[in-house]
Amino acid sequence: MHSIGNNLSDARVGVVGRGRLGTALSGALREAGVAVEGPAGRGEAPTGCDALVLCVP
């Protein structure tokens, strides 16, 4: 594992969960200039990400 530092604009973030939280978080991160993979639904897996956020029950 490596550190991505304090600047998320250089990181690729994967979001798992297509519900309200996953969709809203993905949109907000994109608006902030972060590269986002997802939101991923069942059976999907974000690839090539520096960080992964789980928005599932």
C-alpha atoms as a PDB file:
ATOM      1  CA  MET A   1       0.000   0.000   0.000  1.00  0.00           C
ATOM      2  CA  HIS A   2       1.231   3.507  -0.745  1.00  0.00           C
ATOM      3  CA  SER A   3       0.264   6.961   0.473  1.00  0.00           C
ATOM      4  CA  ILE A   4      -1.662   9.237  -1.900  1.00  0.00           C
ATOM      5  CA  GLY A   5      -0.901  12.303   0.182  1.00  0.00           C
ATOM      6  CA  ASN A   6      -3.266  15.153   0.902  1.00  0.00           C
ATOM      7  CA  ASN A   7      -4.167  15.909  -2.713  1.00  0.00           C
ATOM      8  CA  LEU A   8      -6.984  13.667  -3.957  1.00  0.00           C
ATOM      9  CA  SER A   9      -6.978  15.302  -7.375  1.00  0.00           C
ATOM     10  CA  ASP A  10      -4.012  13.064  -8.242  1.00  0.00           C
ATOM     11  CA  ALA A  11      -5.778   9.919  -7.009  1.00  0.00           C
ATOM     12  CA  ARG A  12      -8.277   7.606  -8.674  1.00  0.00           C
ATOM     13  CA  VAL A  13     -11.119   6.697  -6.314  1.00  0.00           C
ATOM     14  CA  GLY A  14     -13.443   3.731  -6.763  1.00  0.00           C
ATOM     15  CA  VAL A  15     -16.967   3.859  -5.356  1.00  0.00           C
ATOM     16  CA  VAL A  16     -18.937   0.655  -4.731  1.00  0.00           C
ATOM     17  CA  GLY A  17     -22.690   1.052  -4.289  1.00  0.00           C
ATOM     18  CA  ARG A  18     -25.233   2.517  -6.710  1.00  0.00           C
ATOM     19  CA  GLY A  19     -27.623   3.771  -4.066  1.00  0.00           C
ATOM     20  CA  ARG A  20     -28.188   7.369  -3.024  1.00  0.00           C
ATOM     21  CA  LEU A  21     -24.902   7.682  -1.140  1.00  0.00           C
ATOM     22  CA  GLY A  22     -22.684   6.066  -3.777  1.00  0.00           C
ATOM     23  CA  THR A  23     -24.260   8.093  -6.578  1.00  0.00           C
ATOM     24  CA  ALA A  24     -24.077  11.384  -4.662  1.00  0.00           C
ATOM     25  CA  LEU A  25     -20.504  10.775  -3.501  1.00  0.00           C
ATOM     26  CA  SER A  26     -19.336   9.870  -7.009  1.00  0.00           C
ATOM     27  CA  GLY A  27     -20.876  13.051  -8.404  1.00  0.00           C
ATOM     28  CA  ALA A  28     -19.428  15.255  -5.681  1.00  0.00           C
ATOM     29  CA  LEU A  29     -15.939  13.806  -6.108  1.00  0.00           C
ATOM     30  CA  ARG A  30     -16.108  14.343  -9.881  1.00  0.00           C
ATOM     31  CA  GLU A  31     -17.206  17.952  -9.382  1.00  0.00           C
ATOM     32  CA  ALA A  32     -14.219  18.403  -7.056  1.00  0.00           C
ATOM     33  CA  GLY A  33     -11.893  17.234  -9.831  1.00  0.00           C
ATOM     34  CA  VAL A  34     -11.222  13.725  -8.545  1.00  0.00           C
ATOM     35  CA  ALA A  35     -11.000  10.837 -11.021  1.00  0.00           C
ATOM     36  CA  VAL A  36     -13.785   8.439 -10.032  1.00  0.00           C
ATOM     37  CA  GLU A  37     -14.468   4.870 -11.110  1.00  0.00           C
ATOM     38  CA  GLY A  38     -18.108   3.977 -10.437  1.00  0.00           C
ATOM     39  CA  PRO A  39     -20.443   3.877  -8.724  1.00  0.00           C
ATOM     40  CA  ALA A  40     -20.180   0.134  -9.237  1.00  0.00           C
ATOM     41  CA  GLY A  41     -23.182  -2.130  -8.774  1.00  0.00           C
ATOM     42  CA  ARG A  42     -23.531  -5.825  -7.968  1.00  0.00           C
ATOM     43  CA  GLY A  43     -20.978  -7.958  -9.742  1.00  0.00           C
ATOM     44  CA  GLU A  44     -18.894  -4.949 -10.824  1.00  0.00           C
ATOM     45  CA  ALA A  45     -15.454  -4.108  -9.493  1.00  0.00           C
ATOM     46  CA  PRO A  46     -13.652  -0.768  -9.903  1.00  0.00           C
ATOM     47  CA  THR A  47     -10.111  -1.321 -11.185  1.00  0.00           C
ATOM     48  CA  GLY A  48      -6.932   0.718 -11.096  1.00  0.00           C
ATOM     49  CA  CYS A  49      -7.973   2.750  -8.047  1.00  0.00           C
ATOM     50  CA  ASP A  50      -5.785   4.257  -5.346  1.00  0.00           C
ATOM     51  CA  ALA A  51      -8.660   4.242  -2.847  1.00  0.00           C
ATOM     52  CA  LEU A  52     -11.957   2.377  -2.608  1.00  0.00           C
ATOM     53  CA  VAL A  53     -15.072   3.673  -0.833  1.00  0.00           C
ATOM     54  CA  LEU A  54     -17.761   1.160   0.117  1.00  0.00           C
ATOM     55  CA  CYS A  55     -21.275   2.649   0.131  1.00  0.00           C
ATOM     56  CA  VAL A  56     -23.178  -0.561   0.802  1.00  0.00           C
ATOM     57  CA  PRO A  57     -25.346  -1.761   3.687  1.00  0.00           C
END
